[in-house]
């Protein structure tokens, strides 16, 4: 018996609204500073959001973050 998993079978942890917004900005090519200014945050807070996203989803690169944002429709 063969077991094939699709992306629909794999649950991804829920991202907080501000994490999703941060991800959308970074995936759009904005820098941490640009994202922070747009969201009214410090660049350290943006960095913290992205570290949390990476930890939740076991993602290491910005390219993977961008791929995730596209798959989420952000």
N, C-alpha and C. Protein backbone atom coordinates (compact mmCIF):
# COMPACT_ATOMS: atom_id res chain seq x y z
N UNK A 1 0.84 -1.18 0.00
CA UNK A 1 0.00 0.00 0.00
C UNK A 1 0.89 1.24 0.00
N UNK A 2 0.62 2.16 -0.91
CA UNK A 2 1.41 3.37 -1.04
C UNK A 2 0.66 4.55 -0.42
N UNK A 3 1.39 5.36 0.29
CA UNK A 3 0.80 6.55 0.92
C UNK A 3 1.40 7.78 0.26
N UNK A 4 0.55 8.57 -0.37
CA UNK A 4 1.01 9.79 -1.01
C UNK A 4 0.38 10.98 -0.30
N UNK A 5 1.22 11.90 0.16
CA UNK A 5 0.73 13.09 0.84
C UNK A 5 0.71 14.26 -0.12
N UNK A 6 -0.34 15.04 -0.05
CA UNK A 6 -0.40 16.28 -0.82
C UNK A 6 -0.29 17.43 0.15
N UNK A 7 -0.13 18.65 -0.37
CA UNK A 7 -0.03 19.81 0.51
C UNK A 7 -1.31 20.00 1.31
N UNK A 8 -2.43 19.54 0.82
CA UNK A 8 -3.68 19.65 1.56
C UNK A 8 -3.68 18.73 2.77
N UNK A 9 -2.88 17.66 2.72
CA UNK A 9 -2.81 16.71 3.83
C UNK A 9 -1.91 17.19 4.96
N UNK A 10 -1.05 18.14 4.67
CA UNK A 10 -0.09 18.60 5.66
C UNK A 10 -0.58 19.92 6.23
N UNK A 11 -0.81 19.92 7.54
CA UNK A 11 -1.29 21.15 8.17
C UNK A 11 -0.12 22.07 8.46
N UNK A 12 -0.30 23.34 8.17
CA UNK A 12 0.70 24.33 8.55
C UNK A 12 0.17 25.09 9.75
N UNK A 13 1.04 25.40 10.70
CA UNK A 13 0.59 26.14 11.87
C UNK A 13 0.01 27.49 11.45
N UNK A 14 -0.98 27.91 12.16
CA UNK A 14 -1.61 29.20 11.85
C UNK A 14 -0.64 30.33 12.15
N UNK A 15 -0.62 31.29 11.25
CA UNK A 15 0.18 32.48 11.47
C UNK A 15 -0.72 33.58 12.01
N UNK A 16 -0.18 34.35 12.94
CA UNK A 16 -0.91 35.49 13.48
C UNK A 16 -1.09 36.52 12.36
N UNK A 17 -2.12 37.36 12.45
CA UNK A 17 -2.35 38.37 11.40
C UNK A 17 -1.13 39.24 11.11
N UNK A 18 -0.41 39.68 12.13
CA UNK A 18 0.77 40.52 11.90
C UNK A 18 1.91 39.71 11.27
N UNK A 19 2.01 38.44 11.59
CA UNK A 19 3.01 37.59 10.94
C UNK A 19 2.68 37.45 9.46
N UNK A 20 1.41 37.25 9.14
CA UNK A 20 0.99 37.14 7.74
C UNK A 20 1.28 38.45 6.99
N UNK A 21 0.99 39.57 7.63
CA UNK A 21 1.24 40.87 6.99
C UNK A 21 2.73 41.07 6.76
N UNK A 22 3.53 40.73 7.75
CA UNK A 22 4.99 40.84 7.60
C UNK A 22 5.48 39.96 6.46
N UNK A 23 5.00 38.75 6.42
CA UNK A 23 5.38 37.82 5.35
C UNK A 23 5.01 38.39 3.98
N UNK A 24 3.83 38.99 3.89
CA UNK A 24 3.39 39.56 2.61
C UNK A 24 4.34 40.66 2.15
N UNK A 25 4.76 41.54 3.06
CA UNK A 25 5.68 42.63 2.71
C UNK A 25 7.05 42.10 2.27
N UNK A 26 7.58 41.16 3.03
CA UNK A 26 8.90 40.61 2.69
C UNK A 26 8.85 39.88 1.35
N UNK A 27 7.78 39.12 1.13
CA UNK A 27 7.64 38.39 -0.13
C UNK A 27 7.47 39.34 -1.31
N UNK A 28 6.97 40.55 -1.04
CA UNK A 28 6.81 41.55 -2.10
C UNK A 28 8.14 42.26 -2.41
N UNK A 29 9.19 41.90 -1.66
CA UNK A 29 10.51 42.46 -1.94
C UNK A 29 10.90 43.63 -1.06
N UNK A 30 10.11 43.94 -0.06
CA UNK A 30 10.45 45.03 0.84
C UNK A 30 11.54 44.58 1.81
N UNK A 31 12.34 45.54 2.25
CA UNK A 31 13.36 45.25 3.26
C UNK A 31 12.71 45.23 4.64
N UNK A 32 13.47 44.80 5.63
CA UNK A 32 12.96 44.82 7.01
C UNK A 32 12.59 46.25 7.40
N UNK A 33 13.45 47.21 7.05
CA UNK A 33 13.20 48.62 7.42
C UNK A 33 11.96 49.14 6.72
N UNK A 34 11.81 48.86 5.43
CA UNK A 34 10.62 49.30 4.70
C UNK A 34 9.36 48.68 5.29
N UNK A 35 9.43 47.40 5.61
CA UNK A 35 8.30 46.70 6.20
C UNK A 35 7.95 47.32 7.55
N UNK A 36 8.96 47.56 8.36
CA UNK A 36 8.75 48.15 9.68
C UNK A 36 8.09 49.52 9.57
N UNK A 37 8.56 50.36 8.68
CA UNK A 37 7.97 51.70 8.51
C UNK A 37 6.51 51.59 8.07
N UNK A 38 6.25 50.71 7.12
CA UNK A 38 4.88 50.56 6.60
C UNK A 38 3.93 50.06 7.68
N UNK A 39 4.42 49.18 8.56
CA UNK A 39 3.57 48.59 9.59
C UNK A 39 3.60 49.37 10.90
N UNK A 40 4.46 50.39 10.99
CA UNK A 40 4.57 51.18 12.22
C UNK A 40 5.26 50.42 13.34
N UNK A 41 6.27 49.63 12.97
CA UNK A 41 7.01 48.81 13.93
C UNK A 41 8.49 49.12 13.85
N UNK A 42 9.25 48.54 14.77
CA UNK A 42 10.71 48.62 14.65
C UNK A 42 11.18 47.46 13.77
N UNK A 43 12.38 47.62 13.21
CA UNK A 43 12.90 46.53 12.38
C UNK A 43 13.16 45.29 13.22
N UNK A 44 13.38 45.48 14.52
CA UNK A 44 13.60 44.34 15.42
C UNK A 44 12.31 43.52 15.58
N UNK A 45 11.17 44.20 15.59
CA UNK A 45 9.89 43.50 15.69
C UNK A 45 9.63 42.71 14.41
N UNK A 46 9.93 43.31 13.26
CA UNK A 46 9.79 42.61 11.98
C UNK A 46 10.68 41.37 11.99
N UNK A 47 11.90 41.52 12.45
CA UNK A 47 12.82 40.38 12.54
C UNK A 47 12.25 39.31 13.46
N UNK A 48 11.66 39.70 14.58
CA UNK A 48 11.07 38.74 15.52
C UNK A 48 9.92 37.98 14.86
N UNK A 49 9.06 38.70 14.13
CA UNK A 49 7.94 38.04 13.43
C UNK A 49 8.47 37.01 12.44
N UNK A 50 9.49 37.39 11.68
CA UNK A 50 10.03 36.47 10.67
C UNK A 50 10.73 35.28 11.32
N UNK A 51 11.39 35.49 12.45
CA UNK A 51 12.00 34.36 13.17
C UNK A 51 10.92 33.39 13.64
N UNK A 52 9.79 33.94 14.13
CA UNK A 52 8.69 33.08 14.58
C UNK A 52 8.11 32.28 13.43
N UNK A 53 7.92 32.95 12.28
CA UNK A 53 7.39 32.26 11.09
C UNK A 53 8.33 31.14 10.69
N UNK A 54 9.62 31.44 10.64
CA UNK A 54 10.61 30.43 10.25
C UNK A 54 10.59 29.25 11.22
N UNK A 55 10.48 29.53 12.51
CA UNK A 55 10.47 28.46 13.51
C UNK A 55 9.21 27.62 13.40
N UNK A 56 8.06 28.27 13.24
CA UNK A 56 6.78 27.54 13.13
C UNK A 56 6.76 26.62 11.93
N UNK A 57 7.33 27.09 10.82
CA UNK A 57 7.21 26.37 9.55
C UNK A 57 8.50 25.69 9.11
N UNK A 58 9.53 25.76 9.94
CA UNK A 58 10.83 25.14 9.63
C UNK A 58 11.34 25.63 8.27
N UNK A 59 11.38 26.95 8.12
CA UNK A 59 11.84 27.60 6.90
C UNK A 59 13.15 28.32 7.20
N UNK A 60 14.10 28.24 6.27
CA UNK A 60 15.40 28.84 6.51
C UNK A 60 15.75 30.02 5.62
N UNK A 61 15.15 30.12 4.45
CA UNK A 61 15.57 31.17 3.52
C UNK A 61 14.42 32.10 3.15
N UNK A 62 14.77 33.27 2.66
CA UNK A 62 13.77 34.22 2.18
C UNK A 62 13.04 33.66 0.96
N UNK A 63 13.76 32.90 0.14
CA UNK A 63 13.12 32.28 -1.02
C UNK A 63 11.99 31.35 -0.58
N UNK A 64 12.24 30.57 0.47
CA UNK A 64 11.20 29.68 0.98
C UNK A 64 10.04 30.48 1.57
N UNK A 65 10.35 31.60 2.23
CA UNK A 65 9.29 32.47 2.76
C UNK A 65 8.43 33.00 1.62
N UNK A 66 9.07 33.41 0.54
CA UNK A 66 8.35 33.94 -0.62
C UNK A 66 7.47 32.86 -1.24
N UNK A 67 8.01 31.67 -1.37
CA UNK A 67 7.24 30.54 -1.90
C UNK A 67 6.01 30.27 -1.04
N UNK A 68 6.18 30.33 0.27
CA UNK A 68 5.07 30.13 1.19
C UNK A 68 4.01 31.22 1.00
N UNK A 69 4.46 32.46 0.90
CA UNK A 69 3.53 33.58 0.72
C UNK A 69 2.71 33.40 -0.55
N UNK A 70 3.34 32.96 -1.61
CA UNK A 70 2.65 32.74 -2.88
C UNK A 70 1.62 31.62 -2.72
N UNK A 71 2.03 30.54 -2.05
CA UNK A 71 1.10 29.41 -1.88
C UNK A 71 -0.08 29.77 -0.98
N UNK A 72 0.11 30.75 -0.08
CA UNK A 72 -0.97 31.21 0.79
C UNK A 72 -1.82 32.30 0.14
N UNK A 73 -1.40 32.74 -1.04
CA UNK A 73 -2.15 33.78 -1.72
C UNK A 73 -1.94 35.17 -1.16
N UNK A 74 -0.78 35.37 -0.53
CA UNK A 74 -0.47 36.68 0.04
C UNK A 74 0.14 37.55 -1.04
